[in-house]
């Protein structure tokens, strides 16, 4: 199972750079004054490239480039500035985000700005060599397997050390926030309005902490927990998967006459574990215990898949195949592959003693196997970090900019529900809770309640209630049927426009 992709962004979120006073020369004047050359690019957007300092403490030395995209406000008479958007990841490309938001109310009144953060895509890229898979994909690995997981993480870190060149320490959250402020200045805007998903919420919070006088309206959708950066955020993902499975089990128990999995939530979970144990001894076709555990995690997370998940368990319990579980298991693996383990996750210190991770893995393989929960406890490249972040993490605070909005789904597994209230409390923002929902990234993805509240805020400046609620996607009827193609189409639709994030912190 690949856990390290070619782009190996590593964060060292840094302290604020004080804005120059009116009496001081602007050390970034050269960058603020550059003229952009906009050219038509993808999906009717226009794109341009900026030149930026690699190290903002030494802006006259090494330089990098950052690509941005733009979709102008469709109602120019009501235009109220720019809306910079980040899809999360960390390390997700945001160049298509203006297209993703084209049908929102925000796109009517803002020039929507997407960008490839430093180190990503068309910007000056940080690339790390791929390493061979050393650990076998297993949701419940044995103690004897643990050293292989650590060896793979160490090898990936060593490969990045050898191939990342001199830019690696400067590919971090605070420098990306500084890049955003140069974008604002180059576009001639006094304020930067912001929409961030997943890891992008953390980026937005860092920007507001560094440049409170420049932050306008801000929406943080599927927020990172401000006190869980980063290891605890990942560990909590496994807990969130388990929580969804327990909620699904209670629902399945209510429909025992249809599915026959048990009349109580505990009985349904016992049935799930019995199927997992049987598959560990004798797989059914391509259905292994690991594939099954991944399927249970994803199927329980997304309410429209609940009936199909129950049918998967029912078929495997009877010894038959269950094709749609492969689609759900693949979705679980894809979330991990594009997630935070191999991107901007080393900005704070991680434990360096692998025994710490092994102790967690023993617990997680038993308690949190669903959705590859054990991976959230395993050592990552950060356990073997080969560089020292140049500055400490930015202290998140809202001191001088207006109240924003945080959106959080109850069943989100990438940024768990507790993260939203915690971020809202830290920044004194208003919170929209999406009830009974497992999606990650809500605004502009089809929830009419969320869209209405966020549009009213971004367009008209009217805040939602301090603690508002919206309903999530309805639960299915217990007799609903889904084909493997329908399940795959649903899962594909979840990934349109918004990169999963801590992703996966995301």
Protein backbone atom coordinates (compact mmCIF):
# COMPACT_ATOMS: atom_id res chain seq x y z
CA UNK A 1 0.00 0.00 0.00
CA UNK A 2 1.59 3.25 -1.12
CA UNK A 3 1.56 5.87 1.59
CA UNK A 4 4.09 8.27 0.10
CA UNK A 5 3.50 10.00 -3.25
CA UNK A 6 5.98 11.88 -5.39
CA UNK A 7 5.13 15.30 -4.05
CA UNK A 8 6.56 15.37 -0.53
CA UNK A 9 5.66 18.72 0.91
CA UNK A 10 6.89 19.27 4.42
CA UNK A 11 5.66 22.17 6.47
CA UNK A 12 7.44 24.34 8.97
CA UNK A 13 4.67 26.78 9.83
CA UNK A 14 6.44 29.90 10.96
CA UNK A 15 5.91 33.01 13.00
CA UNK A 16 4.42 36.18 11.59
CA UNK A 17 6.49 38.60 9.59
CA UNK A 18 5.60 42.06 10.78
CA UNK A 19 4.13 44.32 8.14
CA UNK A 20 6.33 47.34 7.40
CA UNK A 21 5.26 50.64 8.87
CA UNK A 22 4.43 53.56 6.61
CA UNK A 23 7.85 55.05 7.39
CA UNK A 24 9.76 51.92 6.32
CA UNK A 25 10.46 50.90 2.73
CA UNK A 26 8.51 47.87 1.62
CA UNK A 27 11.00 44.97 1.42
CA UNK A 28 8.59 43.21 -0.94
CA UNK A 29 7.97 46.22 -3.22
CA UNK A 30 9.54 44.45 -6.18
CA UNK A 31 7.16 41.52 -5.78
CA UNK A 32 4.10 43.63 -4.99
CA UNK A 33 4.66 45.72 -8.11
CA UNK A 34 5.04 42.96 -10.67
CA UNK A 35 2.70 42.98 -13.63
CA UNK A 36 0.79 39.80 -14.40
CA UNK A 37 0.30 38.41 -17.88
CA UNK A 38 -3.07 36.67 -17.91
CA UNK A 39 -3.66 34.00 -20.55
CA UNK A 40 -6.67 31.75 -21.23
CA UNK A 41 -6.25 28.33 -19.64
CA UNK A 42 -8.49 25.53 -18.40
CA UNK A 43 -12.31 25.56 -18.38
CA UNK A 44 -12.62 29.18 -19.43
CA UNK A 45 -10.36 30.47 -16.68
CA UNK A 46 -7.38 32.75 -17.09
CA UNK A 47 -4.04 31.97 -15.51
CA UNK A 48 -0.87 33.82 -14.60
CA UNK A 49 2.45 33.21 -12.86
CA UNK A 50 3.96 35.23 -10.01
CA UNK A 51 7.56 35.40 -8.86
CA UNK A 52 7.94 35.17 -5.08
CA UNK A 53 10.72 34.93 -2.51
CA UNK A 54 11.71 31.46 -1.45
CA UNK A 55 12.57 32.78 2.02
CA UNK A 56 10.69 35.89 3.12
CA UNK A 57 13.45 36.73 5.58
CA UNK A 58 15.79 37.07 2.58
CA UNK A 59 13.52 38.23 -0.23
CA UNK A 60 16.36 39.36 -2.49
CA UNK A 61 17.92 35.92 -2.68
CA UNK A 62 16.35 32.75 -4.10
CA UNK A 63 13.01 32.98 -5.87
CA UNK A 64 10.21 30.66 -6.85
CA UNK A 65 7.13 30.86 -9.06
CA UNK A 66 3.49 30.30 -8.14
CA UNK A 67 0.67 29.75 -10.64
CA UNK A 68 -2.74 31.32 -10.05
CA UNK A 69 -6.08 31.12 -11.86
CA UNK A 70 -9.00 33.54 -11.98
CA UNK A 71 -12.68 33.54 -12.81
CA UNK A 72 -14.01 37.09 -12.79
CA UNK A 73 -17.22 37.97 -10.98
CA UNK A 74 -20.20 37.39 -13.27
CA UNK A 75 -22.01 40.45 -11.88
CA UNK A 76 -19.40 43.20 -12.19
CA UNK A 77 -21.83 45.84 -10.95
CA UNK A 78 -21.90 44.06 -7.57
CA UNK A 79 -18.25 43.01 -7.49
CA UNK A 80 -16.78 43.19 -4.01
CA UNK A 81 -13.20 42.00 -4.46
CA UNK A 82 -11.33 38.71 -4.63
CA UNK A 83 -12.08 35.35 -2.99
CA UNK A 84 -8.94 33.23 -2.68
CA UNK A 85 -9.69 29.51 -2.45
CA UNK A 86 -7.61 26.56 -1.24
CA UNK A 87 -8.88 22.95 -1.53
CA UNK A 88 -6.73 21.46 1.23
CA UNK A 89 -4.58 18.40 1.02
CA UNK A 90 -2.14 19.70 2.17
CA UNK A 91 -0.61 19.96 -1.25
CA UNK A 92 -3.82 20.02 -3.27
CA UNK A 93 -3.90 21.98 -6.51
CA UNK A 94 -6.40 24.81 -6.42
CA UNK A 95 -6.24 25.86 -10.05
CA UNK A 96 -9.69 24.39 -10.85
CA UNK A 97 -11.40 25.75 -7.75
CA UNK A 98 -12.88 28.81 -9.53
CA UNK A 99 -14.66 26.41 -11.90
CA UNK A 100 -15.85 24.25 -9.02
CA UNK A 101 -17.47 27.31 -7.44
CA UNK A 102 -18.88 28.75 -10.67
CA UNK A 103 -22.52 28.17 -9.68
CA UNK A 104 -22.28 29.61 -6.18
CA UNK A 105 -23.49 32.99 -5.11
CA UNK A 106 -19.92 33.92 -4.26
CA UNK A 107 -18.89 33.58 -7.92
CA UNK A 108 -21.37 36.29 -8.86
CA UNK A 109 -19.70 39.01 -6.79
CA UNK A 110 -16.07 37.89 -6.36
CA UNK A 111 -13.19 37.31 -8.70
CA UNK A 112 -12.48 33.74 -7.54
CA UNK A 113 -8.75 33.07 -7.33
CA UNK A 114 -7.30 29.57 -7.32
CA UNK A 115 -3.63 28.70 -7.03
CA UNK A 116 -1.07 25.94 -6.85
CA UNK A 117 0.65 26.49 -3.50
CA UNK A 118 4.42 26.67 -3.48
CA UNK A 119 5.80 23.22 -4.10
CA UNK A 120 2.68 22.00 -5.93
CA UNK A 121 1.75 21.38 -9.56
CA UNK A 122 2.65 24.20 -11.91
CA UNK A 123 4.35 26.22 -9.18
CA UNK A 124 7.98 25.58 -8.26
CA UNK A 125 7.55 21.95 -7.31
CA UNK A 126 8.99 20.01 -4.41
CA UNK A 127 9.38 16.44 -5.65
CA UNK A 128 10.57 13.45 -3.70
CA UNK A 129 11.68 10.12 -5.09
CA UNK A 130 9.25 7.24 -4.76
CA UNK A 131 10.30 4.28 -2.61
CA UNK A 132 9.32 0.61 -2.92
CA UNK A 133 6.46 -0.66 -0.80
CA UNK A 134 7.98 -2.41 2.19
CA UNK A 135 4.86 -2.93 4.31
CA UNK A 136 1.97 -5.13 3.24
CA UNK A 137 -1.44 -3.48 3.12
CA UNK A 138 -3.17 -4.72 6.26
CA UNK A 139 -5.76 -3.07 8.47
CA UNK A 140 -4.81 -5.35 11.37
CA UNK A 141 -1.05 -5.92 11.08
CA UNK A 142 0.81 -8.17 13.50
CA UNK A 143 3.57 -6.92 15.76
CA UNK A 144 6.06 -8.55 13.42
CA UNK A 145 4.84 -6.25 10.61
CA UNK A 146 5.38 -3.00 12.53
CA UNK A 147 9.12 -2.58 11.72
CA UNK A 148 8.29 -2.75 7.99
CA UNK A 149 5.93 0.22 8.36
CA UNK A 150 8.65 2.18 10.15
CA UNK A 151 11.23 1.18 7.53
CA UNK A 152 8.99 2.41 4.72
CA UNK A 153 8.48 5.76 6.44
CA UNK A 154 12.23 6.10 7.07
CA UNK A 155 13.01 5.22 3.45
CA UNK A 156 10.51 7.80 2.17
CA UNK A 157 12.02 10.50 4.35
CA UNK A 158 15.51 9.62 3.20
CA UNK A 159 14.39 9.71 -0.43
CA UNK A 160 12.92 13.17 0.08
CA UNK A 161 16.08 14.37 1.81
CA UNK A 162 18.13 13.27 -1.19
CA UNK A 163 15.91 14.75 -3.89
CA UNK A 164 14.14 17.79 -2.44
CA UNK A 165 16.98 20.23 -3.01
CA UNK A 166 17.24 23.45 -1.03
CA UNK A 167 13.60 24.53 -1.09
CA UNK A 168 12.19 22.01 1.36
CA UNK A 169 12.41 23.99 4.63
CA UNK A 170 10.54 26.88 3.01
CA UNK A 171 7.56 24.91 1.71
CA UNK A 172 5.31 25.56 4.66
CA UNK A 173 2.00 26.99 5.77
CA UNK A 174 3.17 30.44 6.82
CA UNK A 175 5.11 31.04 3.61
CA UNK A 176 2.07 29.96 1.59
CA UNK A 177 0.05 32.51 3.56
CA UNK A 178 2.67 35.13 2.75
CA UNK A 179 2.42 34.14 -0.91
CA UNK A 180 -1.34 34.76 -0.72
CA UNK A 181 -0.72 38.25 0.58
CA UNK A 182 1.57 39.01 -2.34
CA UNK A 183 -1.21 37.80 -4.65
CA UNK A 184 -3.56 40.23 -2.93
CA UNK A 185 -1.13 43.11 -3.36
CA UNK A 186 -0.36 42.33 -7.00
CA UNK A 187 -4.09 42.27 -7.77
CA UNK A 188 -4.44 45.70 -6.17
CA UNK A 189 -6.84 44.59 -3.45
CA UNK A 190 -6.90 46.07 0.03
CA UNK A 191 -8.52 42.95 1.50
CA UNK A 192 -8.31 39.25 0.77
CA UNK A 193 -11.53 37.28 1.25
CA UNK A 194 -10.94 33.60 1.79
CA UNK A 195 -12.53 30.16 1.42
CA UNK A 196 -10.56 27.14 2.57
CA UNK A 197 -11.42 23.46 2.78
CA UNK A 198 -9.79 20.95 5.15
CA UNK A 199 -6.08 21.84 5.49
CA UNK A 200 -7.08 25.05 3.72
CA UNK A 201 -8.88 26.07 6.91
CA UNK A 202 -5.59 25.97 8.77
CA UNK A 203 -3.95 27.97 6.00
CA UNK A 204 -6.72 30.57 6.27
CA UNK A 205 -6.37 30.75 10.04
CA UNK A 206 -2.62 31.26 9.65
CA UNK A 207 -3.17 33.99 7.06
CA UNK A 208 -5.57 35.83 9.36
CA UNK A 209 -3.11 35.51 12.25
CA UNK A 210 -0.25 36.93 10.18
CA UNK A 211 -2.21 39.58 8.26
CA UNK A 212 -5.30 40.50 10.30
CA UNK A 213 -5.48 43.93 8.68
CA UNK A 214 -5.71 42.27 5.24
CA UNK A 215 -8.28 39.56 5.99
CA UNK A 216 -11.84 40.21 4.85
CA UNK A 217 -14.65 37.67 5.03
CA UNK A 218 -13.53 34.10 5.62
CA UNK A 219 -15.15 30.67 5.45
CA UNK A 220 -13.37 27.65 6.91
CA UNK A 221 -15.09 24.51 5.61
CA UNK A 222 -14.26 21.18 7.32
CA UNK A 223 -11.82 22.69 9.75
CA UNK A 224 -8.60 21.39 11.21
CA UNK A 225 -8.49 21.24 15.01
CA UNK A 226 -6.19 24.08 16.14
CA UNK A 227 -4.73 21.95 18.94
CA UNK A 228 -4.29 18.74 16.95
CA UNK A 229 -1.64 19.82 14.45
CA UNK A 230 -0.76 17.25 13.24
CA UNK A 231 -0.38 13.79 14.77
CA UNK A 232 -3.46 13.97 16.94
CA UNK A 233 -5.54 15.06 13.95
CA UNK A 234 -4.63 11.84 12.17
CA UNK A 235 -5.23 9.62 15.18
CA UNK A 236 -8.66 11.16 15.58
CA UNK A 237 -9.54 10.21 12.00
CA UNK A 238 -9.62 6.56 13.06
CA UNK A 239 -11.93 7.42 15.94
CA UNK A 240 -14.28 9.21 13.55
CA UNK A 241 -14.44 6.17 11.25
CA UNK A 242 -15.34 3.97 14.22
CA UNK A 243 -18.00 6.43 15.33
CA UNK A 244 -19.67 6.32 11.92
CA UNK A 245 -19.63 2.51 11.94
CA UNK A 246 -21.37 2.50 15.30
CA UNK A 247 -24.05 4.90 14.05
CA UNK A 248 -24.56 2.76 10.94
CA UNK A 249 -24.78 -0.39 13.09
CA UNK A 250 -27.61 1.15 15.11
CA UNK A 251 -29.44 1.96 11.87
CA UNK A 252 -28.89 -1.54 10.47
CA UNK A 253 -30.22 -3.02 13.70
CA UNK A 254 -33.43 -1.03 13.27
CA UNK A 255 -33.86 -2.82 9.93
CA UNK A 256 -32.89 -6.32 11.04
CA UNK A 257 -35.93 -7.72 9.26
CA UNK A 258 -34.39 -6.58 5.97
CA UNK A 259 -30.69 -7.28 6.50
CA UNK A 260 -30.56 -9.91 9.24
CA UNK A 261 -27.36 -8.58 10.77
CA UNK A 262 -28.62 -8.34 14.34
CA UNK A 263 -31.30 -6.64 16.36
CA UNK A 264 -28.97 -4.35 18.31
CA UNK A 265 -25.98 -2.24 17.34
CA UNK A 266 -23.72 -4.54 19.35
CA UNK A 267 -25.04 -7.58 17.48
CA UNK A 268 -24.47 -5.91 14.12
CA UNK A 269 -20.88 -5.07 15.11
CA UNK A 270 -20.41 -8.67 16.20
CA UNK A 271 -21.58 -9.77 12.74
CA UNK A 272 -19.12 -7.37 11.09
CA UNK A 273 -16.29 -8.76 13.19
CA UNK A 274 -17.32 -12.34 12.44
CA UNK A 275 -17.18 -11.61 8.71
CA UNK A 276 -13.76 -9.95 9.12
CA UNK A 277 -12.46 -12.98 11.04
CA UNK A 278 -13.74 -15.38 8.38
CA UNK A 279 -12.14 -13.35 5.58
CA UNK A 280 -8.82 -13.37 7.43
CA UNK A 281 -8.86 -17.17 7.23
CA UNK A 282 -10.41 -17.55 3.78
CA UNK A 283 -10.87 -14.58 1.43
CA UNK A 284 -13.87 -14.59 -0.88
CA UNK A 285 -12.51 -13.82 -4.32
CA UNK A 286 -10.83 -10.41 -4.05
CA UNK A 287 -12.49 -9.78 -0.71
CA UNK A 288 -9.86 -9.91 2.01
CA UNK A 289 -10.22 -8.72 5.57
CA UNK A 290 -8.33 -5.57 4.67
CA UNK A 291 -10.61 -4.81 1.71
CA UNK A 292 -13.62 -5.46 3.93
CA UNK A 293 -12.38 -3.17 6.73
CA UNK A 294 -11.84 -0.39 4.21
CA UNK A 295 -15.32 -0.90 2.80
CA UNK A 296 -16.96 -0.76 6.21
CA UNK A 297 -15.24 2.54 6.98
CA UNK A 298 -16.27 4.28 3.76
CA UNK A 299 -19.74 2.74 3.56
CA UNK A 300 -20.60 3.80 7.10
CA UNK A 301 -19.25 7.31 6.56
CA UNK A 302 -21.46 8.16 3.58
CA UNK A 303 -25.16 7.83 4.46
CA UNK A 304 -26.35 7.12 0.88
CA UNK A 305 -24.22 3.95 0.95
CA UNK A 306 -25.64 2.57 4.19
CA UNK A 307 -28.02 0.08 2.56
CA UNK A 308 -25.31 -1.10 0.19
CA UNK A 309 -22.89 -1.61 3.08
CA UNK A 310 -25.50 -3.67 4.92
CA UNK A 311 -25.95 -5.78 1.80
CA UNK A 312 -22.16 -6.23 1.50
CA UNK A 313 -22.01 -7.59 5.03
CA UNK A 314 -25.08 -9.74 4.41
CA UNK A 315 -23.60 -11.30 1.23
CA UNK A 316 -20.21 -11.96 2.77
CA UNK A 317 -21.84 -13.41 5.87
CA UNK A 318 -23.52 -15.92 3.55
CA UNK A 319 -20.20 -16.70 1.88
CA UNK A 320 -20.93 -14.94 -1.39
CA UNK A 321 -19.07 -12.16 -3.25
CA UNK A 322 -19.79 -8.45 -2.82
CA UNK A 323 -18.46 -6.45 -5.76
CA UNK A 324 -19.42 -2.99 -4.56
CA UNK A 325 -17.24 -3.36 -1.48
CA UNK A 326 -14.22 -3.17 -3.77
CA UNK A 327 -15.26 0.33 -4.88
CA UNK A 328 -15.65 1.45 -1.28
CA UNK A 329 -12.34 -0.07 -0.26
CA UNK A 330 -10.62 1.66 -3.18
CA UNK A 331 -12.09 4.98 -2.05
CA UNK A 332 -10.61 4.45 1.39
CA UNK A 333 -7.15 3.78 -0.07
CA UNK A 334 -7.38 6.79 -2.38
CA UNK A 335 -8.14 9.05 0.55
CA UNK A 336 -4.97 7.87 2.22
CA UNK A 337 -2.82 8.19 -0.89
CA UNK A 338 -3.78 11.82 -1.44
CA UNK A 339 -3.74 12.64 2.25
CA UNK A 340 -1.55 14.35 4.74
CA UNK A 341 0.99 11.64 5.50
CA UNK A 342 3.16 12.51 2.55
CA UNK A 343 2.67 16.28 2.36
CA UNK A 344 2.81 19.22 4.70
CA UNK A 345 2.85 17.40 8.02
CA UNK A 346 6.25 17.91 9.62
CA UNK A 347 5.82 21.52 10.70
CA UNK A 348 5.75 20.53 14.36
CA UNK A 349 7.72 17.92 16.25
CA UNK A 350 6.60 14.29 16.15
CA UNK A 351 7.73 11.48 18.47
CA UNK A 352 11.00 10.01 17.28
CA UNK A 353 10.76 6.74 19.24
CA UNK A 354 9.05 4.18 17.00
CA UNK A 355 7.88 2.30 20.09
CA UNK A 356 5.40 5.14 20.67
CA UNK A 357 3.79 4.44 17.30
CA UNK A 358 3.84 0.68 17.79
CA UNK A 359 1.97 1.02 21.08
CA UNK A 360 -0.73 3.04 19.33
CA UNK A 361 -0.90 0.59 16.43
CA UNK A 362 -1.70 -2.29 18.82
CA UNK A 363 -4.69 -0.36 20.08
CA UNK A 364 -5.83 0.93 16.71
CA UNK A 365 -5.76 -2.43 14.92
CA UNK A 366 -8.18 -3.77 17.53
CA UNK A 367 -10.41 -0.77 18.13
CA UNK A 368 -10.20 1.18 14.87
CA UNK A 369 -9.60 -1.19 11.93
CA UNK A 370 -12.28 0.34 9.72
CA UNK A 371 -11.21 2.70 6.95
CA UNK A 372 -7.53 1.78 7.53
CA UNK A 373 -7.59 3.32 10.99
CA UNK A 374 -4.30 1.71 12.00
CA UNK A 375 -2.50 3.78 9.39
CA UNK A 376 -3.40 6.90 11.36
CA UNK A 377 -1.32 5.61 14.25
CA UNK A 378 1.64 4.34 12.21
CA UNK A 379 4.94 6.20 11.95
CA UNK A 380 5.22 8.67 9.08
CA UNK A 381 8.15 10.47 7.51
CA UNK A 382 7.87 13.03 10.31
CA UNK A 383 9.12 10.47 12.83
CA UNK A 384 12.41 10.53 10.90
CA UNK A 385 12.45 14.19 9.86
CA UNK A 386 15.83 15.10 8.41
CA UNK A 387 15.60 18.88 8.73
CA UNK A 388 14.77 21.42 11.41
CA UNK A 389 11.86 23.78 10.74
CA UNK A 390 13.32 27.30 10.58
CA UNK A 391 10.65 28.89 12.78
CA UNK A 392 7.92 27.83 15.22
CA UNK A 393 4.31 27.28 14.24
CA UNK A 394 2.09 30.33 13.99
CA UNK A 395 -0.16 30.99 16.97
CA UNK A 396 -3.72 31.00 15.66
CA UNK A 397 -5.78 34.00 16.74
CA UNK A 398 -8.29 36.48 15.41
CA UNK A 399 -7.12 39.93 16.40
CA UNK A 400 -8.34 42.68 14.12
CA UNK A 401 -10.39 41.02 11.41
CA UNK A 402 -14.09 40.34 11.15
CA UNK A 403 -16.03 37.32 12.35
CA UNK A 404 -15.93 34.40 9.94
CA UNK A 405 -17.82 31.14 9.45
CA UNK A 406 -16.77 27.54 10.17
CA UNK A 407 -18.66 24.66 8.51
CA UNK A 408 -18.36 21.14 9.93
CA UNK A 409 -20.11 17.81 9.24
CA UNK A 410 -20.91 15.48 12.13
CA UNK A 411 -19.55 12.38 10.40
CA UNK A 412 -16.51 13.84 8.64
CA UNK A 413 -13.57 11.47 9.07
CA UNK A 414 -10.80 13.61 7.58
CA UNK A 415 -11.31 16.55 9.94
CA UNK A 416 -13.43 15.20 12.75
CA UNK A 417 -16.46 17.07 14.04
CA UNK A 418 -14.73 18.25 17.22
CA UNK A 419 -12.30 20.16 15.03
CA UNK A 420 -14.99 22.58 13.81
CA UNK A 421 -16.22 23.79 17.21
CA UNK A 422 -12.61 24.00 18.40
CA UNK A 423 -11.59 26.20 15.46
CA UNK A 424 -14.72 28.32 15.84
CA UNK A 425 -13.96 28.80 19.53
CA UNK A 426 -10.29 29.61 18.95
CA UNK A 427 -11.11 32.32 16.38
CA UNK A 428 -14.51 33.37 17.80
CA UNK A 429 -16.16 32.48 14.48
CA UNK A 430 -19.74 31.34 13.95
CA UNK A 431 -20.32 27.62 13.42
CA UNK A 432 -22.56 25.75 10.96
CA UNK A 433 -22.99 22.09 11.94
CA UNK A 434 -24.19 19.70 9.22
CA UNK A 435 -26.13 16.98 11.00
CA UNK A 436 -25.89 13.28 10.14
CA UNK A 437 -23.42 13.86 7.32
CA UNK A 438 -20.08 12.22 6.48
CA UNK A 439 -18.93 14.47 3.65
CA UNK A 440 -15.72 16.43 3.77
CA UNK A 441 -16.17 19.85 2.17
CA UNK A 442 -19.75 21.16 2.09
CA UNK A 443 -20.04 24.58 0.46
CA UNK A 444 -20.70 24.38 -3.25
CA UNK A 445 -21.21 20.60 -3.20
CA UNK A 446 -24.99 20.41 -3.16
CA UNK A 447 -26.21 21.08 0.39
CA UNK A 448 -28.77 23.87 -0.15
CA UNK A 449 -28.84 24.93 3.50
CA UNK A 450 -25.06 25.36 3.69
CA UNK A 451 -24.96 27.15 0.35
CA UNK A 452 -27.68 29.57 1.42
CA UNK A 453 -26.05 30.46 4.74
CA UNK A 454 -22.54 30.81 3.30
CA UNK A 455 -23.73 32.78 0.26
CA UNK A 456 -25.60 35.19 2.48
CA UNK A 457 -22.45 35.74 4.49
CA UNK A 458 -19.99 36.03 1.58
CA UNK A 459 -22.30 38.07 -0.65
CA UNK A 460 -24.26 40.22 1.80
CA UNK A 461 -22.08 40.07 4.90
CA UNK A 462 -24.87 38.61 7.03
CA UNK A 463 -23.57 36.08 9.54
CA UNK A 464 -25.47 32.87 10.25
CA UNK A 465 -26.52 32.21 13.85
CA UNK A 466 -23.56 31.68 16.17
CA UNK A 467 -24.39 27.97 16.21
CA UNK A 468 -26.48 27.08 13.16
CA UNK A 469 -27.45 23.62 11.91
CA UNK A 470 -28.18 22.12 8.49
CA UNK A 471 -29.38 18.63 7.63
CA UNK A 472 -27.05 16.33 5.75
CA UNK A 473 -27.76 13.93 2.91
CA UNK A 474 -30.84 11.82 3.80
CA UNK A 475 -30.34 8.24 4.92
CA UNK A 476 -31.44 5.64 2.36
CA UNK A 477 -34.46 3.41 2.52
CA UNK A 478 -33.44 -0.02 3.85
CA UNK A 479 -34.62 -1.65 0.62
CA UNK A 480 -32.52 0.60 -1.65
CA UNK A 481 -30.24 -1.11 -4.13
CA UNK A 482 -27.05 0.18 -5.71
CA UNK A 483 -24.90 -1.29 -8.45
CA UNK A 484 -21.13 -1.22 -8.25
CA UNK A 485 -21.16 1.44 -10.97
CA UNK A 486 -23.64 3.58 -9.02
CA UNK A 487 -21.53 3.32 -5.88
CA UNK A 488 -18.40 4.28 -7.82
CA UNK A 489 -20.19 7.22 -9.45
CA UNK A 490 -21.25 8.49 -6.04
CA UNK A 491 -17.73 8.18 -4.65
CA UNK A 492 -16.24 9.87 -7.71
CA UNK A 493 -18.65 12.77 -7.26
CA UNK A 494 -17.36 13.38 -3.77
CA UNK A 495 -13.89 14.13 -5.14
CA UNK A 496 -14.87 16.68 -7.76
CA UNK A 497 -13.31 20.05 -7.09
CA UNK A 498 -12.26 19.59 -3.49
CA UNK A 499 -9.07 17.73 -2.72
CA UNK A 500 -9.40 15.47 0.30
CA UNK A 501 -7.59 16.61 3.17
CA UNK A 502 -6.10 16.36 6.68
CA UNK A 503 -6.71 15.89 5.32
CA UNK A 504 -7.24 14.59 4.79
CA UNK A 505 -5.94 16.33 7.68
CA UNK A 506 -7.27 17.15 4.21
